[in-house]
Amino acid sequence: MHHKLKHLYIGVDLHKHQHTAVVINCWHEKKGELTFENKPSAFPQLVKLVKKLAKKEELTPVFGLEDVGGYGRALAIYLKDNGYMVKEVNSALSYAQRKSYSTTQKSDSWDAECVAQVLLNQLDTLPDANPQDIYWTIGQLVSRRNALVKNLSACKNQLHMQLSYQYPSYNKFFSEIDGKTALAFWSRFPAPHCLAGVTEEELTQKLVQMPVPPVKREKFLRL
């Protein structure tokens, strides 16, 4: 008996809030389907269904997941901890499987079935799922950094816009408008009228107290 005849193939379409699993046999016959929430307390529902089908067919289940380092990380760890064989299916393979049909379908159920078909067809070449915390952690840090950079750029663009209203020639005052001295000046003097009554000595004293080199103060006295 060929070893592929001994398995039950479960493809899982992974999403942020819920997953959809489709179970097929070696003849590509659909044996079951389940949609469940993406939380550890819901994972036993999938195991219960698979155990029931595997016992009925007398087959060993094998799971195929696409994103084992993202939305499928928790499920992959849960299945491996419970002794199941879990394979990582490259999303390009499942996409090619969907496109191989003359009529293109798009649903969570069909996506999961395509993952299961890839799992069956390439069982011997697919790598074992190996979700590692270090890569997940690095991914989280990169995503966080990208969000911070995006927010910083948005804030800086807003500062440019507001300064152009009050100080049309603001780019001549500081080499970096978001430097410590510059930010201190914008905060203390948000508009030219705030400089009324401020002497050159007073402005000089405020600027030299900043931790960065003072700017050309005479430019402010011409406002």
N, C-alpha and C. Protein backbone atom coordinates (compact mmCIF):
# COMPACT_ATOMS: atom_id res chain seq x y z
N MET A 1 0.85 -1.20 0.00
CA MET A 1 0.00 0.00 0.00
C MET A 1 0.88 1.25 0.00
N HIS A 2 0.57 2.16 -0.89
CA HIS A 2 1.33 3.40 -0.95
C HIS A 2 1.08 4.21 0.31
N HIS A 3 2.13 4.88 0.80
CA HIS A 3 2.02 5.56 2.09
C HIS A 3 1.00 6.70 2.07
N LYS A 4 0.72 7.27 0.90
CA LYS A 4 -0.27 8.36 0.83
C LYS A 4 -1.69 7.86 1.08
N LEU A 5 -1.90 6.56 0.88
CA LEU A 5 -3.22 5.98 1.11
C LEU A 5 -3.53 5.88 2.60
N LYS A 6 -2.52 6.05 3.44
CA LYS A 6 -2.70 5.87 4.87
C LYS A 6 -3.06 7.15 5.61
N HIS A 7 -3.14 8.27 4.88
CA HIS A 7 -3.33 9.56 5.54
C HIS A 7 -4.68 10.20 5.21
N LEU A 8 -5.09 11.04 6.13
CA LEU A 8 -6.22 11.94 5.93
C LEU A 8 -5.64 13.35 5.87
N TYR A 9 -6.01 14.13 4.89
CA TYR A 9 -5.35 15.41 4.61
C TYR A 9 -6.25 16.58 5.01
N ILE A 10 -5.71 17.42 5.88
CA ILE A 10 -6.49 18.56 6.39
C ILE A 10 -5.79 19.85 5.98
N GLY A 11 -6.42 20.61 5.11
CA GLY A 11 -5.92 21.91 4.71
C GLY A 11 -6.64 22.99 5.49
N VAL A 12 -5.89 23.98 5.97
CA VAL A 12 -6.49 25.03 6.80
C VAL A 12 -6.23 26.39 6.16
N ASP A 13 -7.32 27.12 5.92
CA ASP A 13 -7.22 28.50 5.43
C ASP A 13 -7.21 29.41 6.65
N LEU A 14 -6.13 30.14 6.82
CA LEU A 14 -5.90 30.90 8.05
C LEU A 14 -6.27 32.36 7.91
N HIS A 15 -6.91 32.90 8.94
CA HIS A 15 -7.26 34.32 8.98
C HIS A 15 -7.04 34.85 10.39
N LYS A 16 -7.18 36.14 10.52
CA LYS A 16 -6.92 36.79 11.80
C LYS A 16 -7.89 36.35 12.88
N HIS A 17 -9.18 36.27 12.55
CA HIS A 17 -10.19 35.99 13.56
C HIS A 17 -10.71 34.55 13.53
N GLN A 18 -10.67 33.90 12.37
CA GLN A 18 -11.16 32.53 12.29
C GLN A 18 -10.44 31.76 11.19
N HIS A 19 -10.46 30.43 11.34
CA HIS A 19 -9.83 29.54 10.36
C HIS A 19 -10.90 28.63 9.78
N THR A 20 -10.65 28.15 8.57
CA THR A 20 -11.52 27.16 7.93
C THR A 20 -10.68 25.96 7.54
N ALA A 21 -11.11 24.79 7.97
CA ALA A 21 -10.39 23.55 7.68
C ALA A 21 -11.25 22.65 6.80
N VAL A 22 -10.62 22.04 5.81
CA VAL A 22 -11.29 21.08 4.93
C VAL A 22 -10.50 19.77 4.95
N VAL A 23 -11.22 18.66 5.08
CA VAL A 23 -10.59 17.34 5.17
C VAL A 23 -10.87 16.55 3.90
N ILE A 24 -9.82 16.02 3.29
CA ILE A 24 -9.98 15.18 2.11
C ILE A 24 -9.20 13.89 2.30
N ASN A 25 -9.53 12.88 1.49
CA ASN A 25 -8.76 11.64 1.51
C ASN A 25 -7.82 11.60 0.32
N CYS A 26 -7.14 10.50 0.11
CA CYS A 26 -6.15 10.41 -0.95
C CYS A 26 -6.77 10.42 -2.34
N TRP A 27 -8.10 10.26 -2.43
CA TRP A 27 -8.80 10.29 -3.71
C TRP A 27 -9.39 11.68 -3.98
N HIS A 28 -8.96 12.66 -3.20
CA HIS A 28 -9.44 14.05 -3.33
C HIS A 28 -10.93 14.19 -3.01
N GLU A 29 -11.45 13.24 -2.25
CA GLU A 29 -12.85 13.32 -1.84
C GLU A 29 -12.96 14.14 -0.56
N LYS A 30 -13.85 15.09 -0.54
CA LYS A 30 -14.04 15.94 0.63
C LYS A 30 -14.81 15.19 1.71
N LYS A 31 -14.22 15.08 2.89
CA LYS A 31 -14.81 14.30 3.96
C LYS A 31 -15.39 15.15 5.09
N GLY A 32 -14.96 16.40 5.19
CA GLY A 32 -15.48 17.24 6.27
C GLY A 32 -14.96 18.66 6.15
N GLU A 33 -15.63 19.53 6.89
CA GLU A 33 -15.25 20.95 6.87
C GLU A 33 -15.63 21.58 8.20
N LEU A 34 -14.83 22.52 8.65
CA LEU A 34 -15.09 23.18 9.93
C LEU A 34 -14.52 24.60 9.91
N THR A 35 -15.33 25.55 10.35
CA THR A 35 -14.86 26.92 10.57
C THR A 35 -14.85 27.17 12.07
N PHE A 36 -13.72 27.62 12.59
CA PHE A 36 -13.58 27.81 14.03
C PHE A 36 -12.77 29.07 14.31
N GLU A 37 -12.91 29.59 15.51
CA GLU A 37 -12.24 30.83 15.88
C GLU A 37 -10.73 30.61 16.05
N ASN A 38 -9.99 31.68 15.81
CA ASN A 38 -8.54 31.62 15.96
C ASN A 38 -8.17 31.90 17.42
N LYS A 39 -8.43 30.93 18.26
CA LYS A 39 -8.06 31.01 19.67
C LYS A 39 -7.86 29.59 20.20
N PRO A 40 -6.92 29.40 21.09
CA PRO A 40 -6.59 28.05 21.57
C PRO A 40 -7.77 27.26 22.09
N SER A 41 -8.73 27.94 22.70
CA SER A 41 -9.87 27.22 23.27
C SER A 41 -10.77 26.61 22.19
N ALA A 42 -10.63 27.08 20.93
CA ALA A 42 -11.46 26.56 19.84
C ALA A 42 -10.75 25.47 19.05
N PHE A 43 -9.45 25.30 19.25
CA PHE A 43 -8.70 24.32 18.47
C PHE A 43 -9.15 22.88 18.73
N PRO A 44 -9.58 22.52 19.95
CA PRO A 44 -10.05 21.15 20.16
C PRO A 44 -11.23 20.76 19.27
N GLN A 45 -11.99 21.74 18.78
CA GLN A 45 -13.10 21.43 17.86
C GLN A 45 -12.56 20.76 16.60
N LEU A 46 -11.46 21.31 16.09
CA LEU A 46 -10.85 20.74 14.89
C LEU A 46 -10.31 19.34 15.17
N VAL A 47 -9.63 19.18 16.29
CA VAL A 47 -9.07 17.88 16.63
C VAL A 47 -10.17 16.83 16.81
N LYS A 48 -11.27 17.24 17.40
CA LYS A 48 -12.39 16.32 17.60
C LYS A 48 -12.95 15.83 16.27
N LEU A 49 -13.13 16.77 15.32
CA LEU A 49 -13.63 16.39 14.00
C LEU A 49 -12.65 15.47 13.28
N VAL A 50 -11.38 15.81 13.34
CA VAL A 50 -10.36 15.01 12.65
C VAL A 50 -10.25 13.61 13.24
N LYS A 51 -10.29 13.53 14.55
CA LYS A 51 -10.23 12.22 15.20
C LYS A 51 -11.40 11.34 14.78
N LYS A 52 -12.56 11.93 14.70
CA LYS A 52 -13.77 11.19 14.31
C LYS A 52 -13.64 10.65 12.89
N LEU A 53 -13.18 11.50 11.97
CA LEU A 53 -13.04 11.08 10.57
C LEU A 53 -11.89 10.10 10.41
N ALA A 54 -10.79 10.33 11.12
CA ALA A 54 -9.64 9.44 11.01
C ALA A 54 -9.96 8.05 11.52
N LYS A 55 -10.72 7.99 12.62
CA LYS A 55 -11.11 6.68 13.18
C LYS A 55 -12.03 5.94 12.23
N LYS A 56 -12.93 6.69 11.60
CA LYS A 56 -13.88 6.07 10.68
C LYS A 56 -13.17 5.53 9.44
N GLU A 57 -12.21 6.29 8.96
CA GLU A 57 -11.48 5.89 7.74
C GLU A 57 -10.25 5.04 8.05
N GLU A 58 -9.89 4.95 9.35
CA GLU A 58 -8.69 4.24 9.78
C GLU A 58 -7.45 4.82 9.10
N LEU A 59 -7.32 6.16 9.20
CA LEU A 59 -6.22 6.85 8.56
C LEU A 59 -5.50 7.75 9.58
N THR A 60 -4.28 8.12 9.24
CA THR A 60 -3.50 9.01 10.09
C THR A 60 -3.62 10.44 9.56
N PRO A 61 -4.05 11.40 10.37
CA PRO A 61 -4.23 12.77 9.88
C PRO A 61 -2.90 13.50 9.71
N VAL A 62 -2.84 14.34 8.70
CA VAL A 62 -1.71 15.22 8.47
C VAL A 62 -2.27 16.59 8.10
N PHE A 63 -1.74 17.63 8.71
CA PHE A 63 -2.27 18.98 8.54
C PHE A 63 -1.36 19.81 7.63
N GLY A 64 -1.98 20.69 6.85
CA GLY A 64 -1.25 21.63 6.01
C GLY A 64 -1.67 23.05 6.33
N LEU A 65 -0.69 23.88 6.71
CA LEU A 65 -0.96 25.29 7.06
C LEU A 65 -0.04 26.17 6.24
N GLU A 66 -0.55 27.32 5.82
CA GLU A 66 0.26 28.26 5.03
C GLU A 66 1.13 29.15 5.92
N ASP A 67 0.50 29.89 6.78
CA ASP A 67 1.20 30.94 7.54
C ASP A 67 1.51 30.46 8.96
N VAL A 68 2.49 29.59 9.09
CA VAL A 68 2.80 29.03 10.42
C VAL A 68 3.55 30.02 11.30
N GLY A 69 4.02 31.11 10.71
CA GLY A 69 4.72 32.12 11.51
C GLY A 69 3.86 33.32 11.83
N GLY A 70 2.62 33.33 11.34
CA GLY A 70 1.72 34.45 11.57
C GLY A 70 0.42 34.00 12.20
N TYR A 71 -0.67 34.10 11.43
CA TYR A 71 -1.99 33.75 11.95
C TYR A 71 -2.09 32.27 12.32
N GLY A 72 -1.27 31.43 11.70
CA GLY A 72 -1.35 29.99 11.98
C GLY A 72 -0.35 29.50 13.01
N ARG A 73 0.39 30.43 13.60
CA ARG A 73 1.43 30.03 14.55
C ARG A 73 0.86 29.28 15.75
N ALA A 74 -0.17 29.84 16.36
CA ALA A 74 -0.74 29.22 17.55
C ALA A 74 -1.32 27.84 17.24
N LEU A 75 -2.00 27.71 16.10
CA LEU A 75 -2.58 26.43 15.72
C LEU A 75 -1.49 25.40 15.42
N ALA A 76 -0.44 25.83 14.73
CA ALA A 76 0.66 24.90 14.41
C ALA A 76 1.31 24.37 15.68
N ILE A 77 1.55 25.26 16.63
CA ILE A 77 2.16 24.84 17.90
C ILE A 77 1.24 23.88 18.64
N TYR A 78 -0.06 24.20 18.65
CA TYR A 78 -1.03 23.34 19.35
C TYR A 78 -1.04 21.93 18.74
N LEU A 79 -1.09 21.85 17.42
CA LEU A 79 -1.15 20.55 16.74
C LEU A 79 0.14 19.75 16.96
N LYS A 80 1.28 20.42 16.87
CA LYS A 80 2.55 19.72 17.07
C LYS A 80 2.69 19.24 18.51
N ASP A 81 2.23 20.06 19.46
CA ASP A 81 2.29 19.66 20.86
C ASP A 81 1.40 18.46 21.14
N ASN A 82 0.38 18.26 20.32
CA ASN A 82 -0.52 17.13 20.48
C ASN A 82 -0.12 15.94 19.61
N GLY A 83 1.06 16.01 19.02
CA GLY A 83 1.61 14.85 18.32
C GLY A 83 1.19 14.68 16.87
N TYR A 84 0.60 15.71 16.26
CA TYR A 84 0.16 15.59 14.87
C TYR A 84 1.25 16.03 13.90
N MET A 85 1.22 15.46 12.71
CA MET A 85 2.13 15.86 11.65
C MET A 85 1.59 17.14 11.01
N VAL A 86 2.42 18.18 10.97
CA VAL A 86 2.01 19.47 10.42
C VAL A 86 3.02 19.89 9.37
N LYS A 87 2.53 20.16 8.16
CA LYS A 87 3.37 20.59 7.06
C LYS A 87 3.11 22.05 6.73
N GLU A 88 4.18 22.74 6.32
CA GLU A 88 4.05 24.13 5.91
C GLU A 88 3.86 24.20 4.40
N VAL A 89 2.73 24.80 3.97
CA VAL A 89 2.39 24.90 2.55
C VAL A 89 2.66 26.32 2.09
N ASN A 90 3.56 26.46 1.14
CA ASN A 90 3.86 27.79 0.59
C ASN A 90 2.60 28.35 -0.08
N SER A 91 2.29 29.61 0.20
CA SER A 91 1.08 30.23 -0.34
C SER A 91 1.10 30.27 -1.87
N ALA A 92 2.30 30.31 -2.47
CA ALA A 92 2.40 30.31 -3.93
C ALA A 92 1.90 28.99 -4.52
N LEU A 93 2.09 27.90 -3.77
CA LEU A 93 1.63 26.59 -4.24
C LEU A 93 0.11 26.49 -4.21
N SER A 94 -0.50 26.96 -3.13
CA SER A 94 -1.97 26.91 -3.05
C SER A 94 -2.60 27.87 -4.05
N TYR A 95 -1.92 29.01 -4.31
CA TYR A 95 -2.43 29.95 -5.32
C TYR A 95 -2.39 29.30 -6.71
N ALA A 96 -1.30 28.63 -7.02
CA ALA A 96 -1.19 27.95 -8.31
C ALA A 96 -2.22 26.84 -8.44
N GLN A 97 -2.53 26.19 -7.32
CA GLN A 97 -3.54 25.13 -7.33
C GLN A 97 -4.91 25.71 -7.66
N ARG A 98 -5.23 26.86 -7.09
CA ARG A 98 -6.52 27.51 -7.39
C ARG A 98 -6.59 27.93 -8.85
N LYS A 99 -5.49 28.47 -9.36
CA LYS A 99 -5.48 28.96 -10.74
C LYS A 99 -5.46 27.84 -11.77
N SER A 100 -5.19 26.62 -11.34
CA SER A 100 -5.11 25.50 -12.27
C SER A 100 -6.48 25.04 -12.75
N TYR A 101 -7.54 25.51 -12.09
CA TYR A 101 -8.89 25.13 -12.50
C TYR A 101 -9.42 26.14 -13.51
N SER A 102 -10.23 25.66 -14.44
CA SER A 102 -10.77 26.53 -15.49
C SER A 102 -11.72 27.58 -14.92
N THR A 103 -12.44 27.21 -13.87
CA THR A 103 -13.35 28.14 -13.21
C THR A 103 -12.75 28.52 -11.86
N THR A 104 -12.42 29.80 -11.72
CA THR A 104 -11.78 30.26 -10.49
C THR A 104 -12.81 30.50 -9.40
N GLN A 105 -12.57 29.92 -8.25
CA GLN A 105 -13.44 30.13 -7.09
C GLN A 105 -12.66 30.90 -6.02
N LYS A 106 -13.40 31.59 -5.17
CA LYS A 106 -12.74 32.31 -4.07
C LYS A 106 -13.63 32.28 -2.84
N SER A 107 -13.27 31.40 -1.93
CA SER A 107 -13.97 31.30 -0.64
C SER A 107 -13.00 30.64 0.32
N ASP A 108 -13.27 30.80 1.60
CA ASP A 108 -12.39 30.20 2.61
C ASP A 108 -12.38 28.68 2.48
N SER A 109 -13.55 28.11 2.18
CA SER A 109 -13.65 26.67 2.05
C SER A 109 -12.83 26.16 0.88
N TRP A 110 -12.94 26.84 -0.25
CA TRP A 110 -12.19 26.41 -1.43
C TRP A 110 -10.69 26.61 -1.23
N ASP A 111 -10.31 27.72 -0.59
CA ASP A 111 -8.89 27.95 -0.32
C ASP A 111 -8.31 26.85 0.56
N ALA A 112 -9.07 26.45 1.58
CA ALA A 112 -8.62 25.38 2.47
C ALA A 112 -8.51 24.06 1.72
N GLU A 113 -9.45 23.81 0.81
CA GLU A 113 -9.41 22.57 0.03
C GLU A 113 -8.20 22.56 -0.91
N CYS A 114 -7.85 23.71 -1.47
CA CYS A 114 -6.67 23.79 -2.32
C CYS A 114 -5.39 23.52 -1.52
N VAL A 115 -5.35 24.02 -0.29
CA VAL A 115 -4.21 23.73 0.58
C VAL A 115 -4.12 22.22 0.84
N ALA A 116 -5.27 21.59 1.07
CA ALA A 116 -5.30 20.15 1.31
C ALA A 116 -4.83 19.38 0.08
N GLN A 117 -5.20 19.85 -1.11
CA GLN A 117 -4.79 19.18 -2.34
C GLN A 117 -3.28 19.29 -2.55
N VAL A 118 -2.72 20.47 -2.26
CA VAL A 118 -1.27 20.63 -2.35
C VAL A 118 -0.59 19.72 -1.34
N LEU A 119 -1.16 19.64 -0.16
CA LEU A 119 -0.62 18.78 0.89
C LEU A 119 -0.58 17.33 0.42
N LEU A 120 -1.63 16.88 -0.22
CA LEU A 120 -1.69 15.51 -0.73
C LEU A 120 -0.69 15.30 -1.87
N ASN A 121 -0.69 16.22 -2.83
CA ASN A 121 0.15 16.05 -4.02
C ASN A 121 1.64 16.14 -3.70
N GLN A 122 2.01 16.99 -2.73
CA GLN A 122 3.43 17.23 -2.45
C GLN A 122 3.81 16.87 -1.01
N LEU A 123 3.17 15.87 -0.49
CA LEU A 123 3.41 15.47 0.90
C LEU A 123 4.88 15.18 1.17
N ASP A 124 5.56 14.57 0.24
CA ASP A 124 6.94 14.13 0.46
C ASP A 124 7.94 15.28 0.37
N THR A 125 7.56 16.39 -0.23
CA THR A 125 8.51 17.49 -0.43
C THR A 125 8.23 18.70 0.46
N LEU A 126 7.05 18.79 1.02
CA LEU A 126 6.71 19.94 1.87
C LEU A 126 7.50 19.86 3.17
N PRO A 127 8.00 21.00 3.65
CA PRO A 127 8.75 20.99 4.91
C PRO A 127 7.82 20.87 6.12
N ASP A 128 8.34 20.32 7.18
CA ASP A 128 7.58 20.27 8.43
C ASP A 128 7.43 21.68 8.99
N ALA A 129 6.27 21.97 9.53
CA ALA A 129 6.05 23.28 10.15
C ALA A 129 6.97 23.42 11.36
N ASN A 130 7.64 24.56 11.42
CA ASN A 130 8.59 24.77 12.52
C ASN A 130 8.50 26.23 12.97
N PRO A 131 7.38 26.60 13.60
CA PRO A 131 7.24 27.99 14.07
C PRO A 131 8.22 28.29 15.19
N GLN A 132 9.10 29.26 14.97
CA GLN A 132 10.12 29.61 15.96
C GLN A 132 9.83 30.99 16.52
N ASP A 133 9.88 31.09 17.82
CA ASP A 133 9.56 32.35 18.49
C ASP A 133 10.48 33.49 18.08
N ILE A 134 11.74 33.17 17.78
CA ILE A 134 12.69 34.24 17.46
C ILE A 134 12.28 34.95 16.18
N TYR A 135 11.82 34.20 15.16
CA TYR A 135 11.40 34.83 13.92
C TYR A 135 10.10 35.60 14.11
N TRP A 136 9.20 35.04 14.91
CA TRP A 136 7.94 35.73 15.20
C TRP A 136 8.22 37.04 15.94
N THR A 137 9.13 36.98 16.89
CA THR A 137 9.49 38.19 17.66
C THR A 137 10.12 39.25 16.77
N ILE A 138 11.02 38.82 15.89
CA ILE A 138 11.64 39.76 14.97
C ILE A 138 10.59 40.39 14.06
N GLY A 139 9.66 39.59 13.60
CA GLY A 139 8.59 40.11 12.75
C GLY A 139 7.75 41.15 13.46
N GLN A 140 7.46 40.89 14.74
CA GLN A 140 6.70 41.85 15.53
C GLN A 140 7.47 43.15 15.70
N LEU A 141 8.76 43.06 15.95
CA LEU A 141 9.58 44.26 16.13
C LEU A 141 9.67 45.07 14.84
N VAL A 142 9.82 44.37 13.71
CA VAL A 142 9.88 45.07 12.42
C VAL A 142 8.57 45.79 12.13
N SER A 143 7.46 45.10 12.40
CA SER A 143 6.15 45.72 12.17
C SER A 143 5.95 46.94 13.06
N ARG A 144 6.39 46.82 14.31
CA ARG A 144 6.28 47.94 15.23
C ARG A 144 7.14 49.11 14.78
N ARG A 145 8.36 48.81 14.34
CA ARG A 145 9.25 49.87 13.86
C ARG A 145 8.65 50.57 12.64
N ASN A 146 8.11 49.79 11.70
CA ASN A 146 7.51 50.38 10.51
C ASN A 146 6.34 51.30 10.87
N ALA A 147 5.55 50.89 11.86
CA ALA A 147 4.42 51.72 12.29
C ALA A 147 4.92 53.01 12.92
N LEU A 148 5.98 52.93 13.73
CA LEU A 148 6.53 54.13 14.36
C LEU A 148 7.10 55.09 13.32
N VAL A 149 7.80 54.53 12.33
CA VAL A 149 8.37 55.37 11.27
C VAL A 149 7.25 56.06 10.48
N LYS A 150 6.19 55.32 10.21
CA LYS A 150 5.06 55.89 9.47
C LYS A 150 4.40 57.00 10.26
N ASN A 151 4.19 56.78 11.54
CA ASN A 151 3.57 57.80 12.39
C ASN A 151 4.48 59.02 12.53
N LEU A 152 5.78 58.78 12.66
CA LEU A 152 6.73 59.89 12.77
C LEU A 152 6.72 60.74 11.51
N SER A 153 6.68 60.09 10.37
CA SER A 153 6.64 60.83 9.10
C SER A 153 5.37 61.66 9.00
N ALA A 154 4.25 61.08 9.44
CA ALA A 154 2.98 61.82 9.40
C ALA A 154 3.03 63.05 10.30
N CYS A 155 3.60 62.88 11.51
CA CYS A 155 3.71 64.01 12.44
C CYS A 155 4.63 65.09 11.88
N LYS A 156 5.73 64.67 11.26
CA LYS A 156 6.67 65.63 10.70
C LYS A 156 6.04 66.40 9.54
N ASN A 157 5.25 65.71 8.72
CA ASN A 157 4.56 66.39 7.62
C ASN A 157 3.54 67.40 8.15
N GLN A 158 2.87 67.06 9.24
CA GLN A 158 1.93 68.00 9.85
C GLN A 158 2.66 69.22 10.39
N LEU A 159 3.86 68.99 10.97
CA LEU A 159 4.65 70.10 11.47
C LEU A 159 5.08 71.02 10.32
N HIS A 160 5.51 70.44 9.22
CA HIS A 160 5.87 71.23 8.04
C HIS A 160 4.69 72.10 7.60
N MET A 161 3.51 71.51 7.56
CA MET A 161 2.33 72.25 7.10
C MET A 161 2.01 73.41 8.03
N GLN A 162 2.01 73.16 9.34
CA GLN A 162 1.68 74.21 10.30
C GLN A 162 2.73 75.33 10.28
N LEU A 163 3.99 74.96 10.16
CA LEU A 163 5.04 75.97 10.13
C LEU A 163 4.95 76.85 8.88
N SER A 164 4.54 76.25 7.77
CA SER A 164 4.44 77.04 6.53
C SER A 164 3.40 78.14 6.64
N TYR A 165 2.42 77.96 7.54
CA TYR A 165 1.41 79.00 7.74
C TYR A 165 1.97 80.16 8.57
N GLN A 166 2.72 79.83 9.63
CA GLN A 166 3.18 80.84 10.57
C GLN A 166 4.57 81.40 10.21
N TYR A 167 5.46 80.51 9.74
CA TYR A 167 6.82 80.92 9.39
C TYR A 167 7.11 80.46 7.96
N PRO A 168 6.70 81.22 6.94
CA PRO A 168 6.88 80.80 5.54
C PRO A 168 8.32 80.43 5.19
N SER A 169 9.30 81.06 5.83
CA SER A 169 10.70 80.76 5.54
C SER A 169 11.34 79.93 6.65
N TYR A 170 10.55 79.06 7.27
CA TYR A 170 11.03 78.28 8.42
C TYR A 170 12.20 77.38 8.08
N ASN A 171 12.28 76.92 6.83
CA ASN A 171 13.36 75.99 6.48
C ASN A 171 14.72 76.66 6.46
N LYS A 172 14.77 77.96 6.62
CA LYS A 172 16.05 78.67 6.70
C LYS A 172 16.52 78.85 8.14
N PHE A 173 15.67 78.52 9.11
CA PHE A 173 16.01 78.76 10.51
C PHE A 173 16.85 77.63 11.10
N PHE A 174 16.44 76.39 10.83
CA PHE A 174 17.09 75.22 11.42
C PHE A 174 17.43 74.23 10.32
N SER A 175 18.54 73.53 10.46
CA SER A 175 18.88 72.48 9.49
C SER A 175 17.94 71.29 9.65
N GLU A 176 17.45 71.09 10.86
CA GLU A 176 16.49 70.02 11.13
C GLU A 176 15.33 70.63 11.92
N ILE A 177 14.16 70.65 11.33
CA ILE A 177 13.04 71.31 12.02
C ILE A 177 12.52 70.49 13.18
N ASP A 178 12.92 69.22 13.28
CA ASP A 178 12.48 68.39 14.40
C ASP A 178 13.62 68.14 15.38
N GLY A 179 14.68 68.97 15.32
CA GLY A 179 15.75 68.86 16.31
C GLY A 179 15.30 69.38 17.66
N LYS A 180 16.10 69.13 18.68
CA LYS A 180 15.71 69.52 20.04
C LYS A 180 15.54 71.03 20.17
N THR A 181 16.50 71.77 19.61
CA THR A 181 16.40 73.23 19.69
C THR A 181 15.20 73.73 18.89
N ALA A 182 15.02 73.17 17.71
CA ALA A 182 13.90 73.59 16.87
C ALA A 182 12.56 73.31 17.54
N LEU A 183 12.40 72.12 18.07
CA LEU A 183 11.13 71.77 18.71
C LEU A 183 10.87 72.65 19.93
N ALA A 184 11.94 72.97 20.67
CA ALA A 184 11.78 73.85 21.83
C ALA A 184 11.33 75.25 21.38
N PHE A 185 11.91 75.71 20.27
CA PHE A 185 11.54 77.03 19.77
C PHE A 185 10.10 77.05 19.27
N TRP A 186 9.70 76.01 18.48
CA TRP A 186 8.32 75.98 17.97
C TRP A 186 7.32 75.91 19.13
N SER A 187 7.68 75.18 20.16
CA SER A 187 6.78 75.06 21.31
C SER A 187 6.64 76.37 22.06
N ARG A 188 7.76 77.08 22.21
CA ARG A 188 7.74 78.35 22.96
C ARG A 188 7.22 79.51 22.13
N PHE A 189 7.49 79.48 20.82
CA PHE A 189 7.08 80.56 19.93
C PHE A 189 6.34 79.98 18.71
N PRO A 190 5.12 79.50 18.88
CA PRO A 190 4.39 78.86 17.78
C PRO A 190 3.99 79.82 16.66
N ALA A 191 4.04 81.13 16.91
CA ALA A 191 3.70 82.11 15.89
C ALA A 191 4.58 83.35 16.09
N PRO A 192 4.80 84.14 15.03
CA PRO A 192 5.69 85.30 15.15
C PRO A 192 5.30 86.29 16.24
N HIS A 193 3.99 86.44 16.47
CA HIS A 193 3.59 87.42 17.48
C HIS A 193 4.05 87.02 18.88
N CYS A 194 4.38 85.76 19.08
CA CYS A 194 4.86 85.30 20.38
C CYS A 194 6.27 85.85 20.67
N LEU A 195 6.94 86.30 19.64
CA LEU A 195 8.28 86.85 19.81
C LEU A 195 8.26 88.33 20.19
N ALA A 196 7.09 88.93 20.19
CA ALA A 196 6.97 90.35 20.52
C ALA A 196 7.51 90.61 21.93
N GLY A 197 8.41 91.56 22.06
CA GLY A 197 8.96 91.92 23.36
C GLY A 197 10.14 91.07 23.78
N VAL A 198 10.49 90.05 23.01
CA VAL A 198 11.63 89.19 23.37
C VAL A 198 12.90 89.83 22.81
N THR A 199 13.82 90.11 23.66
CA THR A 199 15.07 90.73 23.23
C THR A 199 16.03 89.69 22.68
N GLU A 200 17.05 90.19 21.99
CA GLU A 200 18.05 89.30 21.43
C GLU A 200 18.76 88.53 22.52
N GLU A 201 19.02 89.20 23.64
CA GLU A 201 19.71 88.54 24.74
C GLU A 201 18.85 87.42 25.34
N GLU A 202 17.56 87.69 25.51
CA GLU A 202 16.66 86.68 26.06
C GLU A 202 16.56 85.46 25.14
N LEU A 203 16.43 85.71 23.85
CA LEU A 203 16.35 84.61 22.90
C LEU A 203 17.65 83.81 22.86
N THR A 204 18.76 84.56 22.90
CA THR A 204 20.05 83.89 22.91
C THR A 204 20.19 83.00 24.14
N GLN A 205 19.76 83.50 25.30
CA GLN A 205 19.87 82.73 26.53
C GLN A 205 19.05 81.45 26.47
N LYS A 206 17.86 81.53 25.87
CA LYS A 206 17.01 80.36 25.77
C LYS A 206 17.61 79.32 24.84
N LEU A 207 18.21 79.79 23.74
CA LEU A 207 18.74 78.86 22.75
C LEU A 207 20.04 78.20 23.21
N VAL A 208 20.91 78.97 23.87
CA VAL A 208 22.18 78.38 24.30
C VAL A 208 21.99 77.35 25.41
N GLN A 209 20.83 77.35 26.06
CA GLN A 209 20.55 76.37 27.10
C GLN A 209 20.15 75.02 26.52
N MET A 210 19.87 74.98 25.22
CA MET A 210 19.51 73.73 24.58
C MET A 210 20.75 72.84 24.46
N PRO A 211 20.60 71.51 24.45
CA PRO A 211 21.74 70.60 24.38
C PRO A 211 22.41 70.51 23.02
N VAL A 212 21.84 71.17 21.99
CA VAL A 212 22.46 71.15 20.66
C VAL A 212 23.00 72.54 20.36
N PRO A 213 23.92 72.69 19.39
CA PRO A 213 24.50 74.00 19.09
C PRO A 213 23.44 75.02 18.74
N PRO A 214 23.59 76.29 19.17
CA PRO A 214 22.62 77.32 18.87
C PRO A 214 22.58 77.63 17.39
N VAL A 215 21.42 78.14 16.91
CA VAL A 215 21.24 78.48 15.50
C VAL A 215 21.53 79.95 15.31
N LYS A 216 21.39 80.40 14.08
CA LYS A 216 21.60 81.80 13.78
C LYS A 216 20.42 82.61 14.29
N ARG A 217 20.61 83.23 15.46
CA ARG A 217 19.51 83.86 16.14
C ARG A 217 19.04 85.13 15.45
N GLU A 218 19.92 85.76 14.67
CA GLU A 218 19.55 87.03 14.07
C GLU A 218 18.39 86.87 13.08
N LYS A 219 18.18 85.62 12.57
CA LYS A 219 17.09 85.42 11.63
C LYS A 219 15.73 85.62 12.30
N PHE A 220 15.65 85.27 13.60
CA PHE A 220 14.38 85.39 14.29
C PHE A 220 14.06 86.87 14.57
N LEU A 221 15.07 87.69 14.66
CA LEU A 221 14.86 89.08 15.00
C LEU A 221 14.32 89.87 13.81
N ARG A 222 14.33 89.25 12.62
CA ARG A 222 13.81 89.93 11.45
C ARG A 222 12.34 89.61 11.18
N LEU A 223 11.74 88.74 11.97
CA LEU A 223 10.35 88.32 11.74
C LEU A 223 9.39 89.49 11.95
